[in-house]
């Protein structure tokens, strides 16, 4: 896992499950980690999540999924950028 990249996945429908997220990204390679952000009270997706994948697989997932329709929503997929590490 030397080249693990974290991806931000946005504009997810409220009905999205952790399994949906895994299945969506698994077509591009091995998903090392996934975190769907859910509402603490309703347990519904808040519209975004994070995926950890190897570098080349992550780039393929961005190319294949960014702007694509997923259950009626146009996905936003890109590398997560750490705001505090900018120089």
N, C-alpha and C. Protein backbone atom coordinates (compact mmCIF):
# COMPACT_ATOMS: atom_id res chain seq x y z
N UNK A 1 0.84 -1.20 0.00
CA UNK A 1 0.00 0.00 0.00
C UNK A 1 0.87 1.25 0.00
N UNK A 2 1.92 1.23 -0.81
CA UNK A 2 2.86 2.34 -0.82
C UNK A 2 2.32 3.58 -1.50
N UNK A 3 1.37 3.40 -2.41
CA UNK A 3 0.89 4.53 -3.19
C UNK A 3 -0.61 4.74 -2.99
N UNK A 4 -1.05 4.65 -1.75
CA UNK A 4 -2.48 4.77 -1.46
C UNK A 4 -2.93 6.22 -1.61
N UNK A 5 -4.00 6.40 -2.36
CA UNK A 5 -4.57 7.73 -2.59
C UNK A 5 -5.97 7.78 -1.99
N UNK A 6 -6.30 8.93 -1.43
CA UNK A 6 -7.64 9.11 -0.88
C UNK A 6 -8.47 9.95 -1.84
N UNK A 7 -9.63 9.41 -2.20
CA UNK A 7 -10.51 10.10 -3.13
C UNK A 7 -11.71 10.67 -2.39
N UNK A 8 -12.13 11.85 -2.80
CA UNK A 8 -13.37 12.45 -2.32
C UNK A 8 -14.45 12.11 -3.34
N UNK A 9 -15.60 11.65 -2.84
CA UNK A 9 -16.72 11.33 -3.71
C UNK A 9 -17.89 12.20 -3.27
N UNK A 10 -18.35 13.08 -4.14
CA UNK A 10 -19.42 14.00 -3.78
C UNK A 10 -20.66 13.86 -4.65
N UNK A 11 -21.73 14.50 -4.20
CA UNK A 11 -23.01 14.53 -4.88
C UNK A 11 -23.67 13.15 -4.92
N UNK A 12 -23.47 12.38 -3.86
CA UNK A 12 -24.10 11.06 -3.75
C UNK A 12 -25.55 11.22 -3.32
N UNK A 13 -26.46 10.38 -3.84
CA UNK A 13 -27.86 10.42 -3.39
C UNK A 13 -27.96 10.01 -1.91
N UNK A 14 -28.98 10.49 -1.23
CA UNK A 14 -29.17 10.18 0.20
C UNK A 14 -29.36 8.68 0.44
N UNK A 15 -29.81 7.97 -0.58
CA UNK A 15 -30.07 6.53 -0.44
C UNK A 15 -28.81 5.67 -0.58
N UNK A 16 -27.67 6.28 -0.88
CA UNK A 16 -26.43 5.53 -1.09
C UNK A 16 -26.00 4.78 0.17
N UNK A 17 -25.58 3.54 0.00
CA UNK A 17 -25.06 2.73 1.11
C UNK A 17 -23.56 2.52 0.94
N UNK A 18 -22.92 2.04 1.99
CA UNK A 18 -21.48 1.72 1.95
C UNK A 18 -21.22 0.69 0.84
N UNK A 19 -22.12 -0.28 0.70
CA UNK A 19 -21.99 -1.31 -0.34
C UNK A 19 -22.07 -0.71 -1.75
N UNK A 20 -22.99 0.26 -1.93
CA UNK A 20 -23.10 0.94 -3.22
C UNK A 20 -21.76 1.58 -3.60
N UNK A 21 -21.17 2.24 -2.61
CA UNK A 21 -19.91 2.94 -2.82
C UNK A 21 -18.81 1.95 -3.19
N UNK A 22 -18.72 0.84 -2.46
CA UNK A 22 -17.72 -0.19 -2.74
C UNK A 22 -17.90 -0.76 -4.14
N UNK A 23 -19.13 -1.11 -4.49
CA UNK A 23 -19.40 -1.70 -5.80
C UNK A 23 -19.08 -0.73 -6.94
N UNK A 24 -19.35 0.55 -6.71
CA UNK A 24 -19.10 1.57 -7.72
C UNK A 24 -17.61 1.66 -8.05
N UNK A 25 -16.76 1.60 -7.02
CA UNK A 25 -15.32 1.78 -7.21
C UNK A 25 -14.57 0.48 -7.47
N UNK A 26 -15.15 -0.65 -7.09
CA UNK A 26 -14.48 -1.95 -7.25
C UNK A 26 -14.19 -2.27 -8.72
N UNK A 27 -14.98 -1.71 -9.63
CA UNK A 27 -14.76 -1.97 -11.06
C UNK A 27 -13.44 -1.38 -11.56
N UNK A 28 -12.82 -0.49 -10.77
CA UNK A 28 -11.57 0.14 -11.17
C UNK A 28 -10.36 -0.42 -10.43
N UNK A 29 -10.59 -1.31 -9.47
CA UNK A 29 -9.48 -1.91 -8.73
C UNK A 29 -9.88 -2.23 -7.30
N UNK A 30 -8.89 -2.50 -6.49
CA UNK A 30 -9.12 -2.88 -5.10
C UNK A 30 -9.37 -1.65 -4.23
N UNK A 31 -10.51 -1.65 -3.56
CA UNK A 31 -10.82 -0.56 -2.63
C UNK A 31 -10.19 -0.91 -1.29
N UNK A 32 -9.22 -0.12 -0.86
CA UNK A 32 -8.49 -0.37 0.40
C UNK A 32 -9.25 0.15 1.62
N UNK A 33 -10.01 1.22 1.40
CA UNK A 33 -10.79 1.78 2.50
C UNK A 33 -11.97 2.55 1.92
N UNK A 34 -13.04 2.62 2.70
CA UNK A 34 -14.18 3.44 2.27
C UNK A 34 -14.87 3.99 3.50
N UNK A 35 -15.35 5.21 3.36
CA UNK A 35 -16.06 5.86 4.46
C UNK A 35 -17.19 6.69 3.87
N UNK A 36 -18.41 6.23 4.08
CA UNK A 36 -19.58 6.97 3.64
C UNK A 36 -20.00 7.86 4.81
N UNK A 37 -20.15 9.14 4.56
CA UNK A 37 -20.53 10.07 5.63
C UNK A 37 -22.05 10.06 5.74
N UNK A 38 -22.54 9.66 6.92
CA UNK A 38 -23.98 9.53 7.14
C UNK A 38 -24.46 10.42 8.27
N UNK A 39 -25.74 10.73 8.23
CA UNK A 39 -26.38 11.52 9.27
C UNK A 39 -26.51 10.65 10.53
N UNK A 40 -26.13 11.19 11.66
CA UNK A 40 -26.14 10.44 12.91
C UNK A 40 -27.55 10.01 13.33
N UNK A 41 -28.55 10.76 12.94
CA UNK A 41 -29.92 10.46 13.36
C UNK A 41 -30.68 9.59 12.35
N UNK A 42 -30.54 9.91 11.07
CA UNK A 42 -31.32 9.19 10.06
C UNK A 42 -30.53 8.04 9.42
N UNK A 43 -29.22 8.04 9.59
CA UNK A 43 -28.33 7.05 8.99
C UNK A 43 -28.31 7.13 7.47
N UNK A 44 -28.83 8.23 6.92
CA UNK A 44 -28.81 8.42 5.47
C UNK A 44 -27.51 9.10 5.06
N UNK A 45 -27.10 8.82 3.84
CA UNK A 45 -25.88 9.43 3.29
C UNK A 45 -26.04 10.95 3.25
N UNK A 46 -24.98 11.65 3.68
CA UNK A 46 -25.00 13.12 3.64
C UNK A 46 -24.57 13.66 2.29
N UNK A 47 -24.32 12.77 1.34
CA UNK A 47 -24.00 13.22 -0.01
C UNK A 47 -22.53 13.09 -0.39
N UNK A 48 -21.71 12.60 0.55
CA UNK A 48 -20.30 12.44 0.19
C UNK A 48 -19.64 11.33 0.99
N UNK A 49 -18.45 10.97 0.53
CA UNK A 49 -17.69 9.92 1.21
C UNK A 49 -16.25 9.93 0.71
N UNK A 50 -15.48 8.97 1.19
CA UNK A 50 -14.07 8.89 0.84
C UNK A 50 -13.71 7.46 0.50
N UNK A 51 -12.81 7.30 -0.46
CA UNK A 51 -12.36 5.99 -0.92
C UNK A 51 -10.84 5.99 -0.93
N UNK A 52 -10.24 4.90 -0.49
CA UNK A 52 -8.79 4.74 -0.56
C UNK A 52 -8.45 3.68 -1.58
N UNK A 53 -7.62 4.04 -2.57
CA UNK A 53 -7.21 3.10 -3.62
C UNK A 53 -5.76 3.37 -3.99
N UNK A 54 -5.13 2.38 -4.66
CA UNK A 54 -3.79 2.58 -5.20
C UNK A 54 -3.82 3.69 -6.24
N UNK A 55 -2.70 4.35 -6.45
CA UNK A 55 -2.62 5.51 -7.33
C UNK A 55 -3.19 5.34 -8.73
N UNK A 56 -2.72 4.31 -9.46
CA UNK A 56 -3.18 4.15 -10.85
C UNK A 56 -4.65 3.76 -10.89
N UNK A 57 -5.12 2.99 -9.90
CA UNK A 57 -6.54 2.61 -9.84
C UNK A 57 -7.39 3.82 -9.48
N UNK A 58 -6.87 4.66 -8.60
CA UNK A 58 -7.59 5.87 -8.20
C UNK A 58 -7.76 6.80 -9.39
N UNK A 59 -6.69 6.95 -10.19
CA UNK A 59 -6.78 7.81 -11.38
C UNK A 59 -7.80 7.26 -12.38
N UNK A 60 -7.83 5.92 -12.52
CA UNK A 60 -8.80 5.28 -13.43
C UNK A 60 -10.23 5.53 -12.92
N UNK A 61 -10.43 5.45 -11.61
CA UNK A 61 -11.76 5.67 -11.02
C UNK A 61 -12.21 7.11 -11.24
N UNK A 62 -11.31 8.07 -11.08
CA UNK A 62 -11.65 9.48 -11.32
C UNK A 62 -12.05 9.66 -12.78
N UNK A 63 -11.24 9.11 -13.69
CA UNK A 63 -11.52 9.24 -15.13
C UNK A 63 -12.85 8.58 -15.48
N UNK A 64 -13.14 7.46 -14.84
CA UNK A 64 -14.35 6.72 -15.18
C UNK A 64 -15.62 7.18 -14.50
N UNK A 65 -15.50 7.84 -13.34
CA UNK A 65 -16.69 8.16 -12.55
C UNK A 65 -17.01 9.65 -12.41
N UNK A 66 -16.01 10.52 -12.52
CA UNK A 66 -16.27 11.95 -12.33
C UNK A 66 -17.25 12.45 -13.39
N UNK A 67 -18.38 13.01 -12.95
CA UNK A 67 -19.39 13.54 -13.86
C UNK A 67 -20.39 12.50 -14.34
N UNK A 68 -20.19 11.24 -13.96
CA UNK A 68 -21.09 10.18 -14.39
C UNK A 68 -22.37 10.17 -13.54
N UNK A 69 -23.45 9.71 -14.15
CA UNK A 69 -24.72 9.61 -13.44
C UNK A 69 -24.71 8.41 -12.50
N UNK A 70 -25.12 8.63 -11.27
CA UNK A 70 -25.26 7.55 -10.29
C UNK A 70 -26.59 7.76 -9.56
N UNK A 71 -27.56 6.91 -9.87
CA UNK A 71 -28.90 7.00 -9.27
C UNK A 71 -29.49 8.41 -9.39
N UNK A 72 -29.28 9.03 -10.54
CA UNK A 72 -29.89 10.34 -10.79
C UNK A 72 -29.03 11.54 -10.44
N UNK A 73 -27.88 11.31 -9.83
CA UNK A 73 -26.98 12.42 -9.47
C UNK A 73 -25.71 12.35 -10.31
N UNK A 74 -25.16 13.51 -10.63
CA UNK A 74 -23.90 13.58 -11.36
C UNK A 74 -22.75 13.57 -10.34
N UNK A 75 -21.97 12.50 -10.32
CA UNK A 75 -20.92 12.34 -9.31
C UNK A 75 -19.79 13.34 -9.45
N UNK A 76 -19.21 13.72 -8.32
CA UNK A 76 -17.98 14.50 -8.30
C UNK A 76 -16.93 13.62 -7.63
N UNK A 77 -15.91 13.24 -8.38
CA UNK A 77 -14.86 12.37 -7.86
C UNK A 77 -13.50 13.01 -8.13
N UNK A 78 -12.68 13.10 -7.10
CA UNK A 78 -11.35 13.67 -7.27
C UNK A 78 -10.48 13.33 -6.08
N UNK A 79 -9.20 13.66 -6.20
CA UNK A 79 -8.30 13.42 -5.07
C UNK A 79 -8.67 14.33 -3.91
N UNK A 80 -8.65 13.79 -2.71
CA UNK A 80 -8.90 14.61 -1.53
C UNK A 80 -7.67 15.49 -1.35
N UNK A 81 -7.89 16.76 -1.09
CA UNK A 81 -6.76 17.66 -0.86
C UNK A 81 -6.78 18.11 0.58
N UNK A 82 -5.65 17.93 1.24
CA UNK A 82 -5.52 18.34 2.64
C UNK A 82 -5.29 19.84 2.68
N UNK A 83 -6.22 20.56 3.28
CA UNK A 83 -6.13 22.02 3.30
C UNK A 83 -4.97 22.51 4.17
N UNK A 84 -4.66 21.78 5.25
CA UNK A 84 -3.64 22.26 6.18
C UNK A 84 -2.21 22.02 5.69
N UNK A 85 -2.02 21.17 4.67
CA UNK A 85 -0.66 20.85 4.25
C UNK A 85 -0.19 21.70 3.07
N UNK A 86 -0.93 22.72 2.70
CA UNK A 86 -0.51 23.61 1.61
C UNK A 86 0.61 24.52 2.08
N UNK A 87 1.59 24.73 1.22
CA UNK A 87 2.71 25.61 1.60
C UNK A 87 2.65 26.92 0.88
